[in-house]
C-alpha atoms as a PDB file:
ATOM      1  CA  MET A   1      -2.617  -6.815  71.861  1.00  0.00           C
ATOM      2  CA  LYS A   2      -1.392  -7.511  68.328  1.00  0.00           C
ATOM      3  CA  THR A   3      -1.472  -3.845  67.377  1.00  0.00           C
ATOM      4  CA  GLN A   4       0.397  -2.630  70.459  1.00  0.00           C
ATOM      5  CA  LYS A   5       4.168  -2.369  70.403  1.00  0.00           C
ATOM      6  CA  HIS A   6       5.598  -3.576  73.707  1.00  0.00           C
ATOM      7  CA  ASN A   7       9.141  -4.554  72.847  1.00  0.00           C
ATOM      8  CA  GLN A   8      10.543  -1.198  71.727  1.00  0.00           C
ATOM      9  CA  GLY A   9      13.689   0.768  72.361  1.00  0.00           C
ATOM     10  CA  GLU A  10      17.034  -0.746  73.169  1.00  0.00           C
ATOM     11  CA  LEU A  11      16.728  -4.510  73.574  1.00  0.00           C
ATOM     12  CA  LYS A  12      18.745  -6.756  75.838  1.00  0.00           C
ATOM     13  CA  SER A  13      18.847 -10.528  75.810  1.00  0.00           C
ATOM     14  CA  LEU A  14      17.760 -12.368  78.963  1.00  0.00           C
ATOM     15  CA  THR A  15      18.279 -16.096  79.338  1.00  0.00           C
ATOM     16  CA  VAL A  16      16.151 -17.896  81.908  1.00  0.00           C
ATOM     17  CA  LYS A  17      15.478 -21.485  82.845  1.00  0.00           C
ATOM     18  CA  ILE A  18      11.788 -22.255  83.328  1.00  0.00           C
ATOM     19  CA  GLU A  19       9.703 -25.372  83.660  1.00  0.00           C
ATOM     20  CA  LYS A  20       9.270 -27.198  80.376  1.00  0.00           C
ATOM     21  CA  ASP A  21       5.465 -27.082  80.490  1.00  0.00           C
ATOM     22  CA  ILE A  22       5.528 -23.306  81.022  1.00  0.00           C
ATOM     23  CA  ALA A  23       7.883 -22.842  78.072  1.00  0.00           C
ATOM     24  CA  GLU A  24       5.716 -25.032  75.836  1.00  0.00           C
ATOM     25  CA  ALA A  25       2.513 -23.287  76.944  1.00  0.00           C
ATOM     26  CA  THR A  26       4.103 -19.893  76.256  1.00  0.00           C
ATOM     27  CA  GLU A  27       5.119 -20.969  72.752  1.00  0.00           C
ATOM     28  CA  LYS A  28       1.615 -22.322  72.103  1.00  0.00           C
ATOM     29  CA  MET A  29      -0.042 -19.140  73.367  1.00  0.00           C
ATOM     30  CA  ALA A  30       2.227 -16.939  71.257  1.00  0.00           C
ATOM     31  CA  LYS A  31       1.454 -18.993  68.165  1.00  0.00           C
ATOM     32  CA  LYS A  32      -2.313 -18.804  68.771  1.00  0.00           C
ATOM     33  CA  ALA A  33      -2.077 -15.058  69.419  1.00  0.00           C
ATOM     34  CA  GLY A  34      -0.004 -14.567  66.277  1.00  0.00           C
ATOM     35  CA  ILE A  35       2.812 -12.775  68.075  1.00  0.00           C
ATOM     36  CA  PRO A  36       6.444 -13.679  68.760  1.00  0.00           C
ATOM     37  CA  VAL A  37       7.256 -15.376  72.069  1.00  0.00           C
ATOM     38  CA  ASP A  38       9.429 -12.370  72.986  1.00  0.00           C
ATOM     39  CA  GLU A  39       6.427 -10.073  72.675  1.00  0.00           C
ATOM     40  CA  LEU A  40       4.196 -12.307  74.796  1.00  0.00           C
ATOM     41  CA  VAL A  41       6.828 -12.538  77.523  1.00  0.00           C
ATOM     42  CA  VAL A  42       7.325  -8.758  77.561  1.00  0.00           C
ATOM     43  CA  VAL A  43       3.571  -8.197  77.896  1.00  0.00           C
ATOM     44  CA  ALA A  44       3.374 -10.708  80.764  1.00  0.00           C
ATOM     45  CA  LEU A  45       6.340  -9.198  82.585  1.00  0.00           C
ATOM     46  CA  LYS A  46       5.054  -5.649  82.166  1.00  0.00           C
ATOM     47  CA  ARG A  47       1.705  -6.696  83.604  1.00  0.00           C
ATOM     48  CA  TYR A  48       3.419  -8.415  86.521  1.00  0.00           C
ATOM     49  CA  ARG A  49       5.587  -5.359  87.143  1.00  0.00           C
ATOM     50  CA  SER A  50       2.599  -3.001  87.116  1.00  0.00           C
ATOM     51  CA  SER A  51       0.736  -5.243  89.576  1.00  0.00           C
ATOM     52  CA  HIS A  52       3.716  -5.441  91.923  1.00  0.00           C
ATOM     53  CA  ALA A  53       5.063  -1.901  91.953  1.00  0.00           C
ATOM     54  CA  GLU A  54       6.344  -2.440  95.486  1.00  0.00           C
ATOM     55  CA  LEU A  55       8.987  -4.802  94.101  1.00  0.00           C
ATOM     56  CA  ASP A  56      10.272  -2.066  91.811  1.00  0.00           C
ATOM     57  CA  ASP A  57      10.419   0.548  94.601  1.00  0.00           C
ATOM     58  CA  LYS A  58       7.645   2.539  92.912  1.00  0.00           C
ATOM     59  CA  LEU A  59       5.451   2.815  96.004  1.00  0.00           C
ATOM     60  CA  PRO A  60       6.209   4.659  99.223  1.00  0.00           C
ATOM     61  CA  LYS A  61       7.241   2.390 102.058  1.00  0.00           C
ATOM     62  CA  LEU A  62       4.727   2.038 104.859  1.00  0.00           C
ATOM     63  CA  ASP A  63       5.824   1.945 108.474  1.00  0.00           C
END
């Protein structure tokens, strides 16, 4: 994960409010992984998006 580049191209800031324990756990995980919090969040969101393609209109609709 450290060698992959996930946060490339044009960047845009996104401000979110999340539970304090989730924010603290994310910061702790990023520190242990040796990557910036931004990078960890991008990886997590990309994985979520790929697992839920139907939310991004990537799959054909079933009748």
